[in-house]
Protein backbone atom coordinates (compact mmCIF):
# COMPACT_ATOMS: atom_id res chain seq x y z
CA MET A 1 -2.52 -38.58 -15.93
CA THR A 2 -2.23 -37.31 -12.33
CA HIS A 3 -4.74 -35.01 -10.65
CA VAL A 4 -2.28 -32.14 -10.99
CA ASP A 5 -1.93 -32.76 -14.71
CA LYS A 6 -5.70 -32.93 -15.13
CA LEU A 7 -6.10 -29.64 -13.29
CA ALA A 8 -3.46 -27.96 -15.41
CA ALA A 9 -5.00 -29.27 -18.63
CA PHE A 10 -8.49 -28.17 -17.59
CA SER A 11 -7.37 -24.65 -16.65
CA PHE A 12 -5.31 -24.23 -19.81
CA LEU A 13 -8.17 -25.39 -22.01
CA ALA A 14 -10.55 -23.07 -20.18
CA SER A 15 -8.27 -20.13 -20.85
CA LEU A 16 -8.19 -21.07 -24.53
CA SER A 17 -11.95 -21.22 -24.82
CA PHE A 18 -14.23 -18.66 -26.51
CA SER A 19 -13.16 -19.02 -30.14
CA GLY A 20 -9.60 -20.06 -29.49
CA ALA A 21 -6.53 -18.06 -28.64
CA ASN A 22 -7.59 -14.93 -30.55
CA GLY A 23 -10.90 -14.90 -28.74
CA ARG A 24 -9.12 -15.35 -25.43
CA TRP A 25 -7.03 -12.24 -26.03
CA ALA A 26 -10.10 -10.29 -27.14
CA ILE A 27 -12.11 -11.30 -24.07
CA ALA A 28 -9.15 -10.49 -21.83
CA GLY A 29 -8.99 -7.01 -23.35
CA LEU A 30 -12.73 -6.41 -23.06
CA LEU A 31 -12.92 -7.58 -19.44
CA THR A 32 -9.86 -5.52 -18.58
CA ILE A 33 -11.47 -2.34 -19.91
CA LEU A 34 -14.72 -3.04 -18.08
CA PHE A 35 -13.00 -3.92 -14.82
CA ALA A 36 -10.61 -0.96 -14.82
CA GLY A 37 -13.39 1.43 -15.82
CA ALA A 38 -15.70 0.19 -13.06
CA ALA A 39 -12.95 0.33 -10.43
CA ARG A 40 -12.14 3.92 -11.38
CA TRP A 41 -15.80 4.96 -11.52
CA LEU A 42 -16.37 3.55 -8.03
CA ARG A 43 -13.27 5.44 -6.84
CA GLY A 44 -11.67 2.23 -5.72
CA VAL A 45 -8.48 3.30 -7.49
CA THR A 46 -6.86 6.41 -8.90
CA THR A 47 -6.33 6.79 -12.64
CA ALA A 48 -2.82 5.36 -12.30
CA GLY A 49 -4.23 2.63 -10.06
CA ALA A 50 -6.79 1.76 -12.72
CA LEU A 51 -4.01 1.36 -15.30
CA ALA A 52 -2.04 -0.90 -12.94
CA GLY A 53 -5.20 -2.87 -12.24
CA ALA A 54 -5.86 -3.17 -15.96
CA VAL A 55 -2.44 -4.70 -16.58
CA SER A 56 -2.92 -7.11 -13.70
CA CYS A 57 -6.42 -8.05 -14.86
CA PHE A 58 -5.26 -8.73 -18.42
CA ILE A 59 -2.42 -10.98 -17.26
CA LEU A 60 -4.63 -12.80 -14.76
CA TYR A 61 -7.21 -13.61 -17.42
CA LEU A 62 -4.63 -14.75 -19.96
CA GLY A 63 -2.93 -17.04 -17.48
CA GLY A 64 -5.80 -18.11 -15.24
CA GLY A 65 -8.84 -17.71 -17.46
CA PRO A 66 -12.35 -16.82 -16.26
CA GLY A 67 -11.69 -18.31 -12.83
CA ALA A 68 -8.87 -15.87 -12.12
CA PHE A 69 -10.99 -12.96 -13.34
CA ALA A 70 -13.89 -14.01 -11.10
CA ALA A 71 -11.52 -14.19 -8.13
CA LEU A 72 -10.12 -10.73 -8.96
CA VAL A 73 -13.61 -9.24 -9.07
CA THR A 74 -14.40 -10.91 -5.74
CA VAL A 75 -11.26 -9.41 -4.20
CA PHE A 76 -12.21 -5.95 -5.44
CA ILE A 77 -15.82 -6.16 -4.19
CA LEU A 78 -14.80 -7.38 -0.74
CA THR A 79 -12.02 -4.84 -0.27
CA TRP A 80 -13.96 -1.91 -1.74
CA THR A 81 -16.96 -2.63 0.47
CA THR A 82 -15.07 -3.10 3.72
CA THR A 83 -12.89 -0.05 3.10
CA ARG A 84 -16.05 2.03 3.34
CA LEU A 85 -17.38 0.37 6.49
CA GLY A 86 -17.22 2.67 9.50
CA TYR A 87 -15.55 5.34 7.38
CA GLN A 88 -16.34 8.18 9.79
CA ARG A 89 -14.79 6.28 12.70
CA LYS A 90 -11.69 5.58 10.64
CA GLN A 91 -11.44 9.25 9.70
CA LYS A 92 -11.52 10.26 13.37
CA LEU A 93 -8.74 7.76 14.06
CA GLY A 94 -6.78 9.07 11.07
CA ILE A 95 -6.56 5.64 9.42
CA ALA A 96 -9.17 5.92 6.66
CA GLU A 97 -8.23 5.10 3.06
CA ARG A 98 -8.04 8.06 0.72
CA ARG A 99 -11.37 8.78 -0.99
CA GLU A 100 -9.75 8.81 -4.42
CA GLY A 101 -8.79 5.14 -4.06
CA ARG A 102 -5.58 3.14 -4.22
CA ASN A 103 -2.70 4.27 -6.39
CA ALA A 104 -0.68 2.17 -8.83
CA ILE A 105 1.94 1.10 -6.28
CA GLN A 106 -0.73 -0.07 -3.85
CA VAL A 107 -2.51 -2.03 -6.58
CA LEU A 108 0.67 -3.75 -7.74
CA ALA A 109 1.71 -4.48 -4.15
CA ASN A 110 -1.50 -6.47 -3.73
CA LEU A 111 -1.90 -8.00 -7.21
CA GLY A 112 1.67 -8.21 -8.49
CA VAL A 113 2.44 -11.68 -7.13
CA ALA A 114 -0.83 -13.15 -8.41
CA ALA A 115 -0.26 -11.60 -11.84
CA ALA A 116 3.29 -13.00 -11.92
CA CYS A 117 1.94 -16.48 -11.14
CA ALA A 118 -0.58 -16.13 -13.96
CA ALA A 119 2.14 -15.05 -16.39
CA LEU A 120 4.34 -17.99 -15.40
CA PHE A 121 1.45 -20.42 -15.87
CA PHE A 122 0.69 -18.94 -19.29
CA PHE A 123 4.14 -20.01 -20.46
CA ASN A 124 4.22 -23.19 -18.34
CA PRO A 125 0.68 -24.64 -18.51
CA GLY A 126 1.82 -27.90 -16.95
CA LYS A 127 2.67 -26.24 -13.62
CA ALA A 128 -0.70 -26.43 -11.84
CA ALA A 129 0.96 -25.41 -8.58
CA LEU A 130 1.28 -21.91 -10.05
CA LEU A 131 -2.51 -21.68 -10.07
CA MET A 132 -2.55 -22.62 -6.40
CA ALA A 133 -0.03 -19.85 -5.76
CA LEU A 134 -2.21 -17.42 -7.72
CA ALA A 135 -5.28 -18.35 -5.69
CA ALA A 136 -3.40 -18.04 -2.39
CA ALA A 137 -1.95 -14.65 -3.32
CA LEU A 138 -5.40 -13.26 -4.16
CA SER A 139 -6.84 -14.81 -1.00
CA GLU A 140 -4.16 -13.15 1.12
CA ALA A 141 -4.55 -9.77 -0.57
CA ALA A 142 -8.28 -9.77 0.18
CA ALA A 143 -7.96 -11.26 3.66
CA ASP A 144 -5.36 -8.74 4.77
CA THR A 145 -7.36 -5.72 3.61
CA VAL A 146 -10.69 -6.99 4.93
CA SER A 147 -9.25 -7.96 8.32
CA SER A 148 -7.69 -4.51 8.73
CA GLU A 149 -10.75 -2.58 7.57
CA VAL A 150 -13.27 -4.61 9.57
CA GLY A 151 -11.07 -4.57 12.66
CA GLN A 152 -10.68 -0.80 12.45
CA ALA A 153 -14.40 -0.28 11.86
CA PHE A 154 -15.85 -2.63 14.46
CA GLY A 155 -13.06 -4.05 16.61
CA GLN A 156 -13.33 -2.59 20.10
CA LYS A 157 -10.05 -4.08 21.25
CA ALA A 158 -6.79 -4.39 19.35
CA ARG A 159 -3.59 -6.04 20.51
CA MET A 160 -0.03 -5.97 19.23
CA ILE A 161 0.62 -9.36 17.67
CA THR A 162 4.16 -9.60 19.04
CA SER A 163 3.47 -8.65 22.67
CA TRP A 164 -0.31 -9.00 22.95
CA LYS A 165 -0.51 -5.60 24.66
CA SER A 166 -3.58 -3.42 24.07
CA VAL A 167 -2.94 -0.80 21.38
CA PRO A 168 -5.07 1.70 19.43
CA ALA A 169 -6.82 0.39 16.31
CA GLY A 170 -4.90 0.95 13.09
CA ILE A 171 -1.42 0.61 14.60
CA ASP A 172 0.97 -1.44 12.47
CA GLY A 173 1.01 -4.98 13.82
CA ALA A 174 -2.27 -4.62 15.72
CA VAL A 175 -4.85 -7.41 15.42
CA SER A 176 -8.39 -7.90 16.69
CA LEU A 177 -10.65 -10.92 16.98
CA THR A 178 -13.30 -9.34 14.75
CA GLY A 179 -10.80 -8.45 12.05
CA THR A 180 -9.04 -11.80 12.17
CA LEU A 181 -12.27 -13.76 11.81
CA ALA A 182 -13.29 -11.52 8.91
CA GLY A 183 -9.92 -12.16 7.25
CA ILE A 184 -10.23 -15.94 7.64
CA ALA A 185 -13.73 -15.86 6.14
CA THR A 186 -12.50 -13.70 3.26
CA ALA A 187 -9.64 -16.07 2.43
CA ALA A 188 -12.14 -18.94 2.35
CA ILE A 189 -14.51 -16.99 0.07
CA VAL A 190 -11.84 -16.02 -2.47
CA SER A 191 -10.38 -19.53 -2.48
CA SER A 192 -13.87 -20.96 -2.99
CA VAL A 193 -14.38 -18.71 -6.01
CA CYS A 194 -11.05 -19.98 -7.36
CA ALA A 195 -12.28 -23.55 -6.88
CA LEU A 196 -15.57 -22.79 -8.62
CA GLY A 197 -13.60 -21.28 -11.50
CA GLY A 198 -11.44 -24.39 -11.86
CA LEU A 199 -8.18 -22.83 -10.69
CA VAL A 200 -7.86 -25.21 -7.75
CA PRO A 201 -9.59 -28.51 -6.93
CA TRP A 202 -12.01 -28.39 -4.02
CA ARG A 203 -9.94 -30.83 -1.98
CA TRP A 204 -7.05 -28.37 -2.11
CA LEU A 205 -9.15 -25.40 -1.05
CA PRO A 206 -7.84 -25.56 2.56
CA ILE A 207 -4.29 -25.13 1.25
CA SER A 208 -5.17 -22.00 -0.71
CA ALA A 209 -7.25 -20.48 2.09
CA GLY A 210 -4.75 -21.54 4.76
CA ALA A 211 -1.86 -20.00 2.85
CA GLY A 212 -3.87 -16.81 2.52
CA VAL A 213 -4.42 -16.71 6.28
CA LEU A 214 -0.73 -17.44 6.87
CA GLY A 215 0.19 -14.47 4.70
CA MET A 216 -2.27 -12.30 6.62
CA ILE A 217 -0.57 -13.24 9.90
CA VAL A 218 2.88 -12.65 8.41
CA ASP A 219 1.66 -9.22 7.33
CA SER A 220 0.89 -8.35 10.96
CA PHE A 221 4.30 -9.55 12.17
CA LEU A 222 6.08 -7.60 9.45
CA GLY A 223 4.04 -4.56 10.40
CA ALA A 224 5.05 -4.92 14.04
CA TRP A 225 8.71 -5.74 13.45
CA LEU A 226 9.69 -3.76 10.39
CA GLU A 227 7.00 -1.29 9.33
CA ARG A 228 6.78 0.36 12.75
CA ARG A 229 10.55 0.84 12.63
CA ARG A 230 10.20 2.27 9.11
CA LEU A 231 12.41 -0.41 7.65
CA LEU A 232 9.57 -1.30 5.27
CA ASN A 233 6.54 0.64 4.11
CA ASN A 234 3.00 -0.72 3.88
CA ASP A 235 3.28 -1.52 0.17
CA SER A 236 6.42 -3.60 0.73
CA VAL A 237 4.72 -5.47 3.58
CA ASN A 238 1.67 -6.21 1.42
CA PHE A 239 3.83 -7.49 -1.42
CA LEU A 240 5.90 -9.74 0.84
CA SER A 241 2.78 -11.12 2.51
CA THR A 242 1.20 -12.14 -0.80
CA LEU A 243 4.54 -13.65 -1.79
CA VAL A 244 4.63 -15.72 1.42
CA ALA A 245 1.11 -17.00 0.72
CA ALA A 246 1.99 -17.89 -2.87
CA VAL A 247 5.23 -19.68 -1.95
CA ALA A 248 3.56 -21.59 0.90
CA SER A 249 0.73 -22.89 -1.31
CA PHE A 250 3.16 -23.72 -4.13
CA TRP A 251 5.34 -25.72 -1.74
CA LEU A 252 2.36 -27.55 -0.22
CA THR A 253 0.80 -28.47 -3.57
């Protein structure tokens, strides 16, 4: 049995734990309710956003087991916390997130690819590369949000990624050293949680984190090239960036 097969078997068995398949569905339902309720109570999402998050959470647990749920919670904590950093400064710049939280489209734009990978693995438990794609997609979703929020809150200088000219913080395609470093650290944290949860082996952690960082960079380029020209909106850019991260990690696995 190869290392990939062992990983797939381990993850599939983990997802079947807790009194078998029936227990797995019950735990998925319970954790989904708790997660969605907490996210709504903290105003991280709107009511519709909570429902979209609940669907994503349920699928992630069924396909990826406890490890995927732990990674999802990590993504939420990191993004919720950094969204509120320097909130007054962001309000003055007109780039602050809405206080009521993210809506359903925003949630699905960030979690849709990871949930799709989990669903595919649920029906194809021998495809361990799908778990790598799941981990990379979650890593990118967190890294992109954290890099933007930290850069807007603390970054004194921002530059357009395509021309490297100085631009105001919050402009589509703008990057800062502070935000970029925060994004890299975030991708490493989420990927490490995935490794601890058995989704990816530790020796493959650089692939998951690296793919997440790649997606974060692609997000900035798409923002500069297409979003600024209104050919894509922010939700489309976020979705495509997580897709790039997932495909890259899947191909490299």
